[in-house]
Amino acid sequence: MLKTIFSIGLMAIVGLIVLKFAFGILGGVLALFLALAFLAVKILLVGAVAYLALRVVAPDTARRLRNRFSGTPTIY
């Protein structure tokens, strides 16, 4: 009976160590993912503002860029 209690206690301690280790790694991965997502949103906003400014200033150039990135052929 003492052996069973000791093994249950040992498994509980090992389980706590494994959980702390796993959540420590997952927390870092989650932080990295959120940082990259925030960076992607900032790049998207800068690109959208630049495209909007280009569309206002030079609509023909904006159309050529849109056609180039969408894969449709440019007709002159």
PDB file of N, CA and C in Angstrom:
ATOM      1  N   MET A   1       0.816  -1.187   0.000  1.00  0.00           N
ATOM      2  CA  MET A   1       0.000   0.000   0.000  1.00  0.00           C
ATOM      3  C   MET A   1       0.865   1.257   0.000  1.00  0.00           C
ATOM      4  N   LEU A   2       1.949   1.225   0.729  1.00  0.00           N
ATOM      5  CA  LEU A   2       2.857   2.370   0.775  1.00  0.00           C
ATOM      6  C   LEU A   2       3.516   2.574  -0.595  1.00  0.00           C
ATOM      7  N   LYS A   3       3.798   1.453  -1.266  1.00  0.00           N
ATOM      8  CA  LYS A   3       4.392   1.523  -2.603  1.00  0.00           C
ATOM      9  C   LYS A   3       3.419   2.185  -3.584  1.00  0.00           C
ATOM     10  N   THR A   4       2.140   1.889  -3.504  1.00  0.00           N
ATOM     11  CA  THR A   4       1.131   2.477  -4.379  1.00  0.00           C
ATOM     12  C   THR A   4       1.000   3.981  -4.132  1.00  0.00           C
ATOM     13  N   ILE A   5       0.976   4.386  -2.886  1.00  0.00           N
ATOM     14  CA  ILE A   5       0.876   5.808  -2.554  1.00  0.00           C
ATOM     15  C   ILE A   5       2.109   6.560  -3.053  1.00  0.00           C
ATOM     16  N   PHE A   6       3.280   5.953  -2.867  1.00  0.00           N
ATOM     17  CA  PHE A   6       4.517   6.579  -3.330  1.00  0.00           C
ATOM     18  C   PHE A   6       4.531   6.709  -4.848  1.00  0.00           C
ATOM     19  N   SER A   7       4.089   5.679  -5.570  1.00  0.00           N
ATOM     20  CA  SER A   7       4.107   5.743  -7.034  1.00  0.00           C
ATOM     21  C   SER A   7       3.090   6.758  -7.555  1.00  0.00           C
ATOM     22  N   ILE A   8       1.932   6.881  -6.898  1.00  0.00           N
ATOM     23  CA  ILE A   8       0.947   7.891  -7.312  1.00  0.00           C
ATOM     24  C   ILE A   8       1.506   9.293  -7.087  1.00  0.00           C
ATOM     25  N   GLY A   9       2.149   9.516  -5.956  1.00  0.00           N
ATOM     26  CA  GLY A   9       2.774  10.811  -5.676  1.00  0.00           C
ATOM     27  C   GLY A   9       3.871  11.132  -6.661  1.00  0.00           C
ATOM     28  N   LEU A  10       4.683  10.124  -6.993  1.00  0.00           N
ATOM     29  CA  LEU A  10       5.763  10.335  -7.969  1.00  0.00           C
ATOM     30  C   LEU A  10       5.201  10.664  -9.346  1.00  0.00           C
ATOM     31  N   MET A  11       4.150   9.994  -9.764  1.00  0.00           N
ATOM     32  CA  MET A  11       3.527  10.280 -11.055  1.00  0.00           C
ATOM     33  C   MET A  11       2.908  11.679 -11.074  1.00  0.00           C
ATOM     34  N   ALA A  12       2.342  12.098  -9.951  1.00  0.00           N
ATOM     35  CA  ALA A  12       1.768  13.441  -9.882  1.00  0.00           C
ATOM     36  C   ALA A  12       2.858  14.504 -10.025  1.00  0.00           C
ATOM     37  N   ILE A  13       3.982  14.299  -9.371  1.00  0.00           N
ATOM     38  CA  ILE A  13       5.087  15.255  -9.466  1.00  0.00           C
ATOM     39  C   ILE A  13       5.653  15.272 -10.886  1.00  0.00           C
ATOM     40  N   VAL A  14       5.837  14.114 -11.487  1.00  0.00           N
ATOM     41  CA  VAL A  14       6.329  14.045 -12.870  1.00  0.00           C
ATOM     42  C   VAL A  14       5.338  14.718 -13.815  1.00  0.00           C
ATOM     43  N   GLY A  15       4.042  14.497 -13.586  1.00  0.00           N
ATOM     44  CA  GLY A  15       3.017  15.135 -14.421  1.00  0.00           C
ATOM     45  C   GLY A  15       3.049  16.644 -14.307  1.00  0.00           C
ATOM     46  N   LEU A  16       3.243  17.170 -13.111  1.00  0.00           N
ATOM     47  CA  LEU A  16       3.338  18.619 -12.928  1.00  0.00           C
ATOM     48  C   LEU A  16       4.557  19.197 -13.642  1.00  0.00           C
ATOM     49  N   ILE A  17       5.674  18.487 -13.571  1.00  0.00           N
ATOM     50  CA  ILE A  17       6.888  18.948 -14.258  1.00  0.00           C
ATOM     51  C   ILE A  17       6.681  18.952 -15.771  1.00  0.00           C
ATOM     52  N   VAL A  18       6.066  17.900 -16.286  1.00  0.00           N
ATOM     53  CA  VAL A  18       5.802  17.825 -17.725  1.00  0.00           C
ATOM     54  C   VAL A  18       4.835  18.922 -18.157  1.00  0.00           C
ATOM     55  N   LEU A  19       3.789  19.183 -17.379  1.00  0.00           N
ATOM     56  CA  LEU A  19       2.849  20.249 -17.717  1.00  0.00           C
ATOM     57  C   LEU A  19       3.511  21.617 -17.695  1.00  0.00           C
ATOM     58  N   LYS A  20       4.353  21.878 -16.713  1.00  0.00           N
ATOM     59  CA  LYS A  20       5.049  23.156 -16.640  1.00  0.00           C
ATOM     60  C   LYS A  20       5.957  23.325 -17.853  1.00  0.00           C
ATOM     61  N   PHE A  21       6.658  22.255 -18.222  1.00  0.00           N
ATOM     62  CA  PHE A  21       7.540  22.311 -19.386  1.00  0.00           C
ATOM     63  C   PHE A  21       6.743  22.522 -20.677  1.00  0.00           C
ATOM     64  N   ALA A  22       5.649  21.787 -20.829  1.00  0.00           N
ATOM     65  CA  ALA A  22       4.846  21.884 -22.057  1.00  0.00           C
ATOM     66  C   ALA A  22       4.219  23.261 -22.188  1.00  0.00           C
ATOM     67  N   PHE A  23       3.632  23.788 -21.123  1.00  0.00           N
ATOM     68  CA  PHE A  23       3.006  25.100 -21.213  1.00  0.00           C
ATOM     69  C   PHE A  23       4.041  26.202 -21.337  1.00  0.00           C
ATOM     70  N   GLY A  24       5.241  25.985 -20.839  1.00  0.00           N
ATOM     71  CA  GLY A  24       6.318  26.956 -21.034  1.00  0.00           C
ATOM     72  C   GLY A  24       6.691  27.065 -22.499  1.00  0.00           C
ATOM     73  N   ILE A  25       6.795  25.946 -23.183  1.00  0.00           N
ATOM     74  CA  ILE A  25       7.125  25.951 -24.617  1.00  0.00           C
ATOM     75  C   ILE A  25       5.952  26.499 -25.425  1.00  0.00           C
ATOM     76  N   LEU A  26       4.730  26.063 -25.095  1.00  0.00           N
ATOM     77  CA  LEU A  26       3.565  26.530 -25.849  1.00  0.00           C
ATOM     78  C   LEU A  26       3.343  28.024 -25.662  1.00  0.00           C
ATOM     79  N   GLY A  27       3.659  28.551 -24.502  1.00  0.00           N
ATOM     80  CA  GLY A  27       3.543  29.990 -24.277  1.00  0.00           C
ATOM     81  C   GLY A  27       4.481  30.771 -25.170  1.00  0.00           C
ATOM     82  N   GLY A  28       5.704  30.270 -25.336  1.00  0.00           N
ATOM     83  CA  GLY A  28       6.671  30.915 -26.224  1.00  0.00           C
ATOM     84  C   GLY A  28       6.243  30.846 -27.677  1.00  0.00           C
ATOM     85  N   VAL A  29       5.701  29.707 -28.077  1.00  0.00           N
ATOM     86  CA  VAL A  29       5.223  29.555 -29.451  1.00  0.00           C
ATOM     87  C   VAL A  29       4.040  30.485 -29.713  1.00  0.00           C
ATOM     88  N   LEU A  30       3.140  30.585 -28.750  1.00  0.00           N
ATOM     89  CA  LEU A  30       1.993  31.474 -28.895  1.00  0.00           C
ATOM     90  C   LEU A  30       2.442  32.933 -28.983  1.00  0.00           C
ATOM     91  N   ALA A  31       3.407  33.315 -28.164  1.00  0.00           N
ATOM     92  CA  ALA A  31       3.924  34.686 -28.202  1.00  0.00           C
ATOM     93  C   ALA A  31       4.583  34.972 -29.550  1.00  0.00           C
ATOM     94  N   LEU A  32       5.330  34.017 -30.074  1.00  0.00           N
ATOM     95  CA  LEU A  32       5.969  34.193 -31.384  1.00  0.00           C
ATOM     96  C   LEU A  32       4.920  34.322 -32.480  1.00  0.00           C
ATOM     97  N   PHE A  33       3.882  33.501 -32.433  1.00  0.00           N
ATOM     98  CA  PHE A  33       2.813  33.566 -33.424  1.00  0.00           C
ATOM     99  C   PHE A  33       2.107  34.914 -33.386  1.00  0.00           C
ATOM    100  N   LEU A  34       1.796  35.403 -32.185  1.00  0.00           N
ATOM    101  CA  LEU A  34       1.119  36.697 -32.069  1.00  0.00           C
ATOM    102  C   LEU A  34       2.007  37.840 -32.547  1.00  0.00           C
ATOM    103  N   ALA A  35       3.307  37.762 -32.271  1.00  0.00           N
ATOM    104  CA  ALA A  35       4.230  38.799 -32.734  1.00  0.00           C
ATOM    105  C   ALA A  35       4.298  38.811 -34.264  1.00  0.00           C
ATOM    106  N   LEU A  36       4.362  37.631 -34.873  1.00  0.00           N
ATOM    107  CA  LEU A  36       4.398  37.558 -36.336  1.00  0.00           C
ATOM    108  C   LEU A  36       3.083  38.011 -36.953  1.00  0.00           C
ATOM    109  N   ALA A  37       1.967  37.689 -36.320  1.00  0.00           N
ATOM    110  CA  ALA A  37       0.666  38.131 -36.828  1.00  0.00           C
ATOM    111  C   ALA A  37       0.551  39.653 -36.750  1.00  0.00           C
ATOM    112  N   PHE A  38       1.027  40.247 -35.659  1.00  0.00           N
ATOM    113  CA  PHE A  38       0.999  41.704 -35.514  1.00  0.00           C
ATOM    114  C   PHE A  38       1.878  42.358 -36.576  1.00  0.00           C
ATOM    115  N   LEU A  39       3.051  41.773 -36.847  1.00  0.00           N
ATOM    116  CA  LEU A  39       3.936  42.298 -37.883  1.00  0.00           C
ATOM    117  C   LEU A  39       3.279  42.196 -39.263  1.00  0.00           C
ATOM    118  N   ALA A  40       2.599  41.097 -39.532  1.00  0.00           N
ATOM    119  CA  ALA A  40       1.919  40.922 -40.815  1.00  0.00           C
ATOM    120  C   ALA A  40       0.804  41.948 -40.991  1.00  0.00           C
ATOM    121  N   VAL A  41       0.077  42.253 -39.928  1.00  0.00           N
ATOM    122  CA  VAL A  41      -0.989  43.250 -40.014  1.00  0.00           C
ATOM    123  C   VAL A  41      -0.397  44.629 -40.281  1.00  0.00           C
ATOM    124  N   LYS A  42       0.730  44.952 -39.655  1.00  0.00           N
ATOM    125  CA  LYS A  42       1.374  46.245 -39.905  1.00  0.00           C
ATOM    126  C   LYS A  42       1.845  46.351 -41.354  1.00  0.00           C
ATOM    127  N   ILE A  43       2.422  45.286 -41.889  1.00  0.00           N
ATOM    128  CA  ILE A  43       2.872  45.293 -43.284  1.00  0.00           C
ATOM    129  C   ILE A  43       1.677  45.421 -44.218  1.00  0.00           C
ATOM    130  N   LEU A  44       0.590  44.741 -43.907  1.00  0.00           N
ATOM    131  CA  LEU A  44      -0.622  44.836 -44.713  1.00  0.00           C
ATOM    132  C   LEU A  44      -1.159  46.257 -44.736  1.00  0.00           C
ATOM    133  N   LEU A  45      -1.186  46.921 -43.584  1.00  0.00           N
ATOM    134  CA  LEU A  45      -1.686  48.293 -43.528  1.00  0.00           C
ATOM    135  C   LEU A  45      -0.803  49.255 -44.305  1.00  0.00           C
ATOM    136  N   VAL A  46       0.513  49.105 -44.206  1.00  0.00           N
ATOM    137  CA  VAL A  46       1.425  49.967 -44.966  1.00  0.00           C
ATOM    138  C   VAL A  46       1.231  49.745 -46.462  1.00  0.00           C
ATOM    139  N   GLY A  47       1.103  48.493 -46.887  1.00  0.00           N
ATOM    140  CA  GLY A  47       0.883  48.202 -48.293  1.00  0.00           C
ATOM    141  C   GLY A  47      -0.439  48.738 -48.792  1.00  0.00           C
ATOM    142  N   ALA A  48      -1.481  48.643 -47.974  1.00  0.00           N
ATOM    143  CA  ALA A  48      -2.792  49.162 -48.374  1.00  0.00           C
ATOM    144  C   ALA A  48      -2.764  50.675 -48.524  1.00  0.00           C
ATOM    145  N   VAL A  49      -2.092  51.370 -47.609  1.00  0.00           N
ATOM    146  CA  VAL A  49      -1.992  52.830 -47.702  1.00  0.00           C
ATOM    147  C   VAL A  49      -1.179  53.228 -48.928  1.00  0.00           C
ATOM    148  N   ALA A  50      -0.087  52.513 -49.194  1.00  0.00           N
ATOM    149  CA  ALA A  50       0.730  52.817 -50.364  1.00  0.00           C
ATOM    150  C   ALA A  50      -0.058  52.578 -51.656  1.00  0.00           C
ATOM    151  N   TYR A  51      -0.810  51.480 -51.717  1.00  0.00           N
ATOM    152  CA  TYR A  51      -1.603  51.198 -52.907  1.00  0.00           C
ATOM    153  C   TYR A  51      -2.700  52.241 -53.096  1.00  0.00           C
ATOM    154  N   LEU A  52      -3.336  52.654 -52.001  1.00  0.00           N
ATOM    155  CA  LEU A  52      -4.374  53.673 -52.083  1.00  0.00           C
ATOM    156  C   LEU A  52      -3.796  54.998 -52.582  1.00  0.00           C
ATOM    157  N   ALA A  53      -2.635  55.363 -52.071  1.00  0.00           N
ATOM    158  CA  ALA A  53      -1.989  56.599 -52.532  1.00  0.00           C
ATOM    159  C   ALA A  53      -1.605  56.487 -54.003  1.00  0.00           C
ATOM    160  N   LEU A  54      -1.101  55.343 -54.409  1.00  0.00           N
ATOM    161  CA  LEU A  54      -0.738  55.139 -55.814  1.00  0.00           C
ATOM    162  C   LEU A  54      -1.976  55.163 -56.693  1.00  0.00           C
ATOM    163  N   ARG A  55      -3.069  54.634 -56.201  1.00  0.00           N
ATOM    164  CA  ARG A  55      -4.302  54.624 -56.984  1.00  0.00           C
ATOM    165  C   ARG A  55      -4.861  56.028 -57.178  1.00  0.00           C
ATOM    166  N   VAL A  56      -4.667  56.880 -56.189  1.00  0.00           N
ATOM    167  CA  VAL A  56      -5.130  58.261 -56.308  1.00  0.00           C
ATOM    168  C   VAL A  56      -4.216  59.057 -57.229  1.00  0.00           C
ATOM    169  N   VAL A  57      -2.901  58.875 -57.073  1.00  0.00           N
ATOM    170  CA  VAL A  57      -1.920  59.673 -57.828  1.00  0.00           C
ATOM    171  C   VAL A  57      -1.765  59.157 -59.253  1.00  0.00           C
ATOM    172  N   ALA A  58      -1.625  57.846 -59.431  1.00  0.00           N
ATOM    173  CA  ALA A  58      -1.380  57.280 -60.758  1.00  0.00           C
ATOM    174  C   ALA A  58      -2.239  56.027 -60.946  1.00  0.00           C
ATOM    175  N   PRO A  59      -3.478  56.196 -61.387  1.00  0.00           N
ATOM    176  CA  PRO A  59      -4.375  55.041 -61.513  1.00  0.00           C
ATOM    177  C   PRO A  59      -3.904  54.002 -62.530  1.00  0.00           C
ATOM    178  N   ASP A  60      -3.241  54.437 -63.584  1.00  0.00           N
ATOM    179  CA  ASP A  60      -2.767  53.493 -64.592  1.00  0.00           C
ATOM    180  C   ASP A  60      -1.683  52.576 -64.014  1.00  0.00           C
ATOM    181  N   THR A  61      -0.779  53.128 -63.240  1.00  0.00           N
ATOM    182  CA  THR A  61       0.259  52.323 -62.603  1.00  0.00           C
ATOM    183  C   THR A  61      -0.359  51.359 -61.600  1.00  0.00           C
ATOM    184  N   ALA A  62      -1.350  51.800 -60.853  1.00  0.00           N
ATOM    185  CA  ALA A  62      -2.025  50.930 -59.899  1.00  0.00           C
ATOM    186  C   ALA A  62      -2.723  49.775 -60.622  1.00  0.00           C
ATOM    187  N   ARG A  63      -3.315  50.056 -61.779  1.00  0.00           N
ATOM    188  CA  ARG A  63      -3.971  48.989 -62.540  1.00  0.00           C
ATOM    189  C   ARG A  63      -2.948  47.983 -63.047  1.00  0.00           C
ATOM    190  N   ARG A  64      -1.793  48.470 -63.518  1.00  0.00           N
ATOM    191  CA  ARG A  64      -0.747  47.552 -63.980  1.00  0.00           C
ATOM    192  C   ARG A  64      -0.217  46.682 -62.840  1.00  0.00           C
ATOM    193  N   LEU A  65      -0.052  47.272 -61.660  1.00  0.00           N
ATOM    194  CA  LEU A  65       0.388  46.481 -60.508  1.00  0.00           C
ATOM    195  C   LEU A  65      -0.660  45.442 -60.131  1.00  0.00           C
ATOM    196  N   ARG A  66      -1.927  45.833 -60.126  1.00  0.00           N
ATOM    197  CA  ARG A  66      -2.997  44.895 -59.795  1.00  0.00           C
ATOM    198  C   ARG A  66      -3.017  43.751 -60.806  1.00  0.00           C
ATOM    199  N   ASN A  67      -2.854  44.053 -62.080  1.00  0.00           N
ATOM    200  CA  ASN A  67      -2.839  43.004 -63.100  1.00  0.00           C
ATOM    201  C   ASN A  67      -1.616  42.104 -62.966  1.00  0.00           C
ATOM    202  N   ARG A  68      -0.493  42.683 -62.601  1.00  0.00           N
ATOM    203  CA  ARG A  68       0.727  41.887 -62.464  1.00  0.00           C
ATOM    204  C   ARG A  68       0.585  40.888 -61.323  1.00  0.00           C
ATOM    205  N   PHE A  69       0.049  41.318 -60.194  1.00  0.00           N
ATOM    206  CA  PHE A  69      -0.046  40.432 -59.039  1.00  0.00           C
ATOM    207  C   PHE A  69      -1.258  39.514 -59.084  1.00  0.00           C
ATOM    208  N   SER A  70      -2.266  39.847 -59.880  1.00  0.00           N
ATOM    209  CA  SER A  70      -3.425  38.961 -59.983  1.00  0.00           C
ATOM    210  C   SER A  70      -3.242  37.919 -61.074  1.00  0.00           C
ATOM    211  N   GLY A  71      -2.282  38.126 -61.957  1.00  0.00           N
ATOM    212  CA  GLY A  71      -2.011  37.147 -62.993  1.00  0.00           C
ATOM    213  C   GLY A  71      -2.765  37.373 -64.282  1.00  0.00           C
ATOM    214  N   THR A  72      -3.539  38.444 -64.385  1.00  0.00           N
ATOM    215  CA  THR A  72      -4.249  38.716 -65.621  1.00  0.00           C
ATOM    216  C   THR A  72      -3.327  39.453 -66.580  1.00  0.00           C
ATOM    217  N   PRO A  73      -3.443  39.216 -67.858  1.00  0.00           N
ATOM    218  CA  PRO A  73      -2.569  39.891 -68.830  1.00  0.00           C
ATOM    219  C   PRO A  73      -2.879  41.382 -68.937  1.00  0.00           C
ATOM    220  N   THR A  74      -1.837  42.147 -69.161  1.00  0.00           N
ATOM    221  CA  THR A  74      -1.983  43.591 -69.318  1.00  0.00           C
ATOM    222  C   THR A  74      -2.250  43.914 -70.780  1.00  0.00           C
ATOM    223  N   ILE A  75      -3.294  44.664 -71.044  1.00  0.00           N
ATOM    224  CA  ILE A  75      -3.651  45.077 -72.403  1.00  0.00           C
ATOM    225  C   ILE A  75      -3.338  46.552 -72.524  1.00  0.00           C
ATOM    226  N   TYR A  76      -2.496  46.896 -73.500  1.00  0.00           N
ATOM    227  CA  TYR A  76      -2.129  48.304 -73.693  1.00  0.00           C
ATOM    228  C   TYR A  76      -2.971  48.933 -74.767  1.00  0.00           C
TER     229      TYR A  76
END
